[in-house]
Amino acid sequence: MNDTLPVVGTRPIVLDFKPVLRKLDEVDFFEFCQANRDWRIERTQGGEVIIMPPTGGMTGGRNFNLIGVFYAWVKANGTGKGFDSSTGFTLPNGARRSPDLAWIPLVRWHTLTPAEREEFPPLCPDFVVELRPRIDQLSNLQDKMQEYIDNGTQLGWLIDPFEKKVYIYSPSASVVCLNNPSRVSGEPVLPGFVLEMRDVWE
């Protein structure tokens, strides 16, 4: 698969595997993803498989900065576990998603079995971030953010570095769009976490 996928540029590919995936359980799908580790693979609630190639240099650098800043907060706070974009989560609606950054309280993480932790954890993270690459349509990422909220996410950030906007998602309020903010607060889900946006815009 790695040698034959018809990748056009660096755009994601959407494949309709519904007839096949209906026969695959979560273990089978996990093994399918592990056999194609060069690709970031997601599965929608409807059974479509989305295959995304590696990011470009600018997006990868921004994501690296974001994870570094968040890692420092996770270690200092000590109440949860952070994850990067290579982690897949099986959401309650059956979709399998890989946010660019995610966080789960330890009390939820510890409810999972060792096998569930090793594969695609069957839960929706409390906090997620999607960092828009140039190739992705904003509307696709907005739909994904709403899916996170509908499945239990308590706080989500959609960061658009090209328009310098941050969209804030939560289950108790309408989406808020911040135009070129200097910083974004994670309160109350992430007490004390503040992201200085210069770490992402640059």
Protein backbone atom coordinates (compact mmCIF):
# COMPACT_ATOMS: atom_id res chain seq x y z
CA MET A 1 0.00 0.00 0.00
CA ASN A 2 2.82 2.40 0.83
CA ASP A 3 4.19 2.04 -2.71
CA THR A 4 0.96 2.14 -4.66
CA LEU A 5 -1.30 4.77 -3.08
CA PRO A 6 -2.23 7.40 -5.70
CA VAL A 7 -1.19 10.44 -3.69
CA VAL A 8 -1.78 13.70 -5.53
CA GLY A 9 0.63 16.24 -4.10
CA THR A 10 0.15 16.21 -0.36
CA ARG A 11 -3.65 16.22 -0.24
CA PRO A 12 -5.53 13.66 1.91
CA ILE A 13 -7.10 10.73 0.07
CA VAL A 14 -10.60 9.52 0.99
CA LEU A 15 -11.30 5.86 0.22
CA ASP A 16 -14.65 4.11 0.58
CA PHE A 17 -13.82 0.90 2.46
CA LYS A 18 -17.30 0.44 3.97
CA PRO A 19 -17.91 -3.08 2.52
CA VAL A 20 -14.50 -4.23 3.76
CA LEU A 21 -14.42 -2.43 7.11
CA ARG A 22 -17.76 -3.88 8.14
CA LYS A 23 -15.88 -7.18 8.39
CA LEU A 24 -13.01 -5.71 10.44
CA ASP A 25 -13.08 -5.37 14.21
CA GLU A 26 -10.98 -2.78 16.03
CA VAL A 27 -8.01 -5.14 16.34
CA ASP A 28 -8.03 -5.77 12.59
CA PHE A 29 -8.21 -2.06 11.81
CA PHE A 30 -5.39 -1.34 14.25
CA GLU A 31 -3.23 -3.92 12.48
CA PHE A 32 -4.14 -2.37 9.11
CA CYS A 33 -2.90 1.02 10.37
CA GLN A 34 0.26 -0.50 11.85
CA ALA A 35 1.05 -2.14 8.51
CA ASN A 36 0.90 1.32 6.90
CA ARG A 37 2.76 3.37 9.48
CA ASP A 38 3.98 5.97 6.98
CA TRP A 39 0.41 7.25 6.73
CA ARG A 40 -1.85 8.93 9.25
CA ILE A 41 -5.10 7.02 8.82
CA GLU A 42 -8.52 8.02 10.11
CA ARG A 43 -11.91 6.38 9.71
CA THR A 44 -15.18 8.32 9.66
CA GLN A 45 -18.38 7.28 11.37
CA GLY A 46 -19.74 6.29 7.94
CA GLY A 47 -16.82 3.99 7.17
CA GLU A 48 -14.73 6.14 4.84
CA VAL A 49 -10.97 5.88 5.33
CA ILE A 50 -8.97 9.12 5.18
CA ILE A 51 -5.28 8.70 4.42
CA MET A 52 -3.08 11.71 5.10
CA PRO A 53 0.57 11.96 4.00
CA PRO A 54 3.27 13.46 6.23
CA THR A 55 3.00 17.19 6.86
CA GLY A 56 5.14 19.83 5.25
CA GLY A 57 7.98 21.54 7.07
CA MET A 58 6.09 24.61 8.27
CA THR A 59 3.16 22.62 9.69
CA GLY A 60 5.50 20.08 11.27
CA GLY A 61 7.52 22.84 12.91
CA ARG A 62 4.42 24.53 14.29
CA ASN A 63 3.14 21.25 15.66
CA PHE A 64 6.52 20.53 17.27
CA ASN A 65 6.45 23.91 19.04
CA LEU A 66 2.86 23.36 20.18
CA ILE A 67 3.60 19.92 21.61
CA GLY A 68 6.72 21.18 23.38
CA VAL A 69 4.83 23.96 25.15
CA PHE A 70 1.95 21.65 26.08
CA TYR A 71 4.29 18.91 27.32
CA ALA A 72 5.74 21.32 29.90
CA TRP A 73 2.24 22.05 31.25
CA VAL A 74 1.25 18.34 31.33
CA LYS A 75 4.34 17.46 33.37
CA ALA A 76 3.87 20.35 35.79
CA ASN A 77 0.11 19.79 36.21
CA GLY A 78 0.34 16.02 36.65
CA THR A 79 -3.40 15.28 36.31
CA GLY A 80 -3.53 13.98 32.77
CA LYS A 81 -1.79 12.41 29.81
CA GLY A 82 -0.93 14.10 26.51
CA PHE A 83 -0.79 12.59 23.02
CA ASP A 84 0.60 13.63 19.65
CA SER A 85 -0.88 13.30 16.16
CA SER A 86 0.24 9.70 15.72
CA THR A 87 -2.32 8.53 18.31
CA GLY A 88 -5.68 7.26 17.10
CA PHE A 89 -8.79 7.34 19.28
CA THR A 90 -11.97 5.32 18.70
CA LEU A 91 -14.79 7.76 19.41
CA PRO A 92 -18.17 6.71 20.84
CA ASN A 93 -19.76 7.16 17.38
CA GLY A 94 -17.35 4.56 15.92
CA ALA A 95 -15.09 7.01 14.09
CA ARG A 96 -11.34 6.68 14.51
CA ARG A 97 -9.64 10.09 14.75
CA SER A 98 -6.12 11.39 15.33
CA PRO A 99 -6.05 14.97 16.65
CA ASP A 100 -2.81 16.91 16.26
CA LEU A 101 -2.70 17.13 20.05
CA ALA A 102 -4.90 15.56 22.72
CA TRP A 103 -5.19 15.32 26.49
CA ILE A 104 -7.06 12.96 28.82
CA PRO A 105 -7.34 13.13 32.64
CA LEU A 106 -5.54 10.26 34.33
CA VAL A 107 -8.76 9.16 36.03
CA ARG A 108 -10.20 8.36 32.58
CA TRP A 109 -6.98 6.87 31.21
CA HIS A 110 -6.74 4.47 34.16
CA THR A 111 -10.20 3.04 33.41
CA LEU A 112 -8.82 1.51 30.20
CA THR A 113 -7.37 -1.97 30.07
CA PRO A 114 -3.71 -2.45 29.07
CA ALA A 115 -4.87 -3.75 25.66
CA GLU A 116 -7.09 -0.70 25.09
CA ARG A 117 -4.17 1.61 25.90
CA GLU A 118 -1.90 -0.21 23.46
CA GLU A 119 -4.33 0.04 20.55
CA PHE A 120 -6.74 2.90 19.69
CA PRO A 121 -8.08 4.04 23.08
CA PRO A 122 -11.90 3.74 22.99
CA LEU A 123 -12.72 7.23 24.20
CA CYS A 124 -12.82 10.84 23.09
CA PRO A 125 -10.13 13.12 24.58
CA ASP A 126 -11.18 15.93 26.90
CA PHE A 127 -8.98 18.41 25.02
CA VAL A 128 -8.03 18.36 21.35
CA VAL A 129 -6.16 20.64 18.96
CA GLU A 130 -6.25 20.58 15.18
CA LEU A 131 -3.61 22.67 13.43
CA ARG A 132 -4.68 23.53 9.91
CA PRO A 133 -2.17 22.69 7.16
CA ARG A 134 -2.39 24.71 3.96
CA ILE A 135 -3.81 21.77 2.00
CA ASP A 136 -6.84 21.20 4.28
CA GLN A 137 -10.14 22.97 3.76
CA LEU A 138 -11.21 24.81 6.88
CA SER A 139 -14.74 23.39 6.64
CA ASN A 140 -13.45 19.81 6.88
CA LEU A 141 -11.57 20.61 10.09
CA GLN A 142 -14.58 22.47 11.49
CA ASP A 143 -16.72 19.38 10.94
CA LYS A 144 -14.09 17.27 12.69
CA MET A 145 -13.99 19.67 15.65
CA GLN A 146 -17.75 19.49 16.02
CA GLU A 147 -17.54 15.70 15.94
CA TYR A 148 -15.11 15.80 18.86
CA ILE A 149 -17.51 17.99 20.85
CA ASP A 150 -20.49 15.77 20.01
CA ASN A 151 -18.52 12.77 21.30
CA GLY A 152 -17.44 14.23 24.62
CA THR A 153 -14.56 16.68 24.14
CA GLN A 154 -14.74 19.48 26.71
CA LEU A 155 -12.45 21.94 24.92
CA GLY A 156 -11.17 22.07 21.36
CA TRP A 157 -8.95 24.49 19.49
CA LEU A 158 -8.84 24.74 15.72
CA ILE A 159 -5.77 26.81 14.90
CA ASP A 160 -5.52 28.42 11.46
CA PRO A 161 -1.98 29.84 11.15
CA PHE A 162 -2.63 31.23 7.66
CA GLU A 163 -5.52 33.47 8.73
CA LYS A 164 -4.10 33.78 12.27
CA LYS A 165 -7.37 32.69 13.81
CA VAL A 166 -8.18 30.32 16.65
CA TYR A 167 -11.63 28.71 16.84
CA ILE A 168 -12.65 27.69 20.36
CA TYR A 169 -15.06 24.77 20.72
CA SER A 170 -16.87 23.68 23.87
CA PRO A 171 -20.08 21.77 24.57
CA SER A 172 -21.69 24.63 26.52
CA ALA A 173 -21.22 27.54 24.11
CA SER A 174 -21.21 28.54 20.46
CA VAL A 175 -17.93 28.44 18.56
CA VAL A 176 -15.79 31.49 19.32
CA CYS A 177 -13.35 32.81 16.71
CA LEU A 178 -10.34 34.74 18.01
CA ASN A 179 -8.65 36.96 15.42
CA ASN A 180 -4.87 37.07 15.75
CA PRO A 181 -4.83 36.48 19.53
CA SER A 182 -1.55 36.92 21.36
CA ARG A 183 -2.42 34.07 23.73
CA VAL A 184 -5.17 31.49 24.32
CA SER A 185 -6.23 30.18 27.74
CA GLY A 186 -7.13 26.55 28.42
CA GLU A 187 -9.27 27.40 31.46
CA PRO A 188 -11.20 25.76 33.00
CA VAL A 189 -10.39 22.37 31.39
CA LEU A 190 -6.62 22.97 31.56
CA PRO A 191 -6.03 25.05 34.70
CA GLY A 192 -3.13 27.44 34.27
CA PHE A 193 -2.35 26.52 30.66
CA VAL A 194 -1.85 29.50 28.36
CA LEU A 195 -0.57 29.13 24.81
CA GLU A 196 1.50 32.06 23.58
CA MET A 197 0.52 32.20 19.93
CA ARG A 198 3.92 33.42 18.79
CA ASP A 199 4.99 29.80 19.37
CA VAL A 200 2.57 28.78 16.62
CA TRP A 201 2.48 31.73 14.23
CA GLU A 202 6.26 31.72 13.68
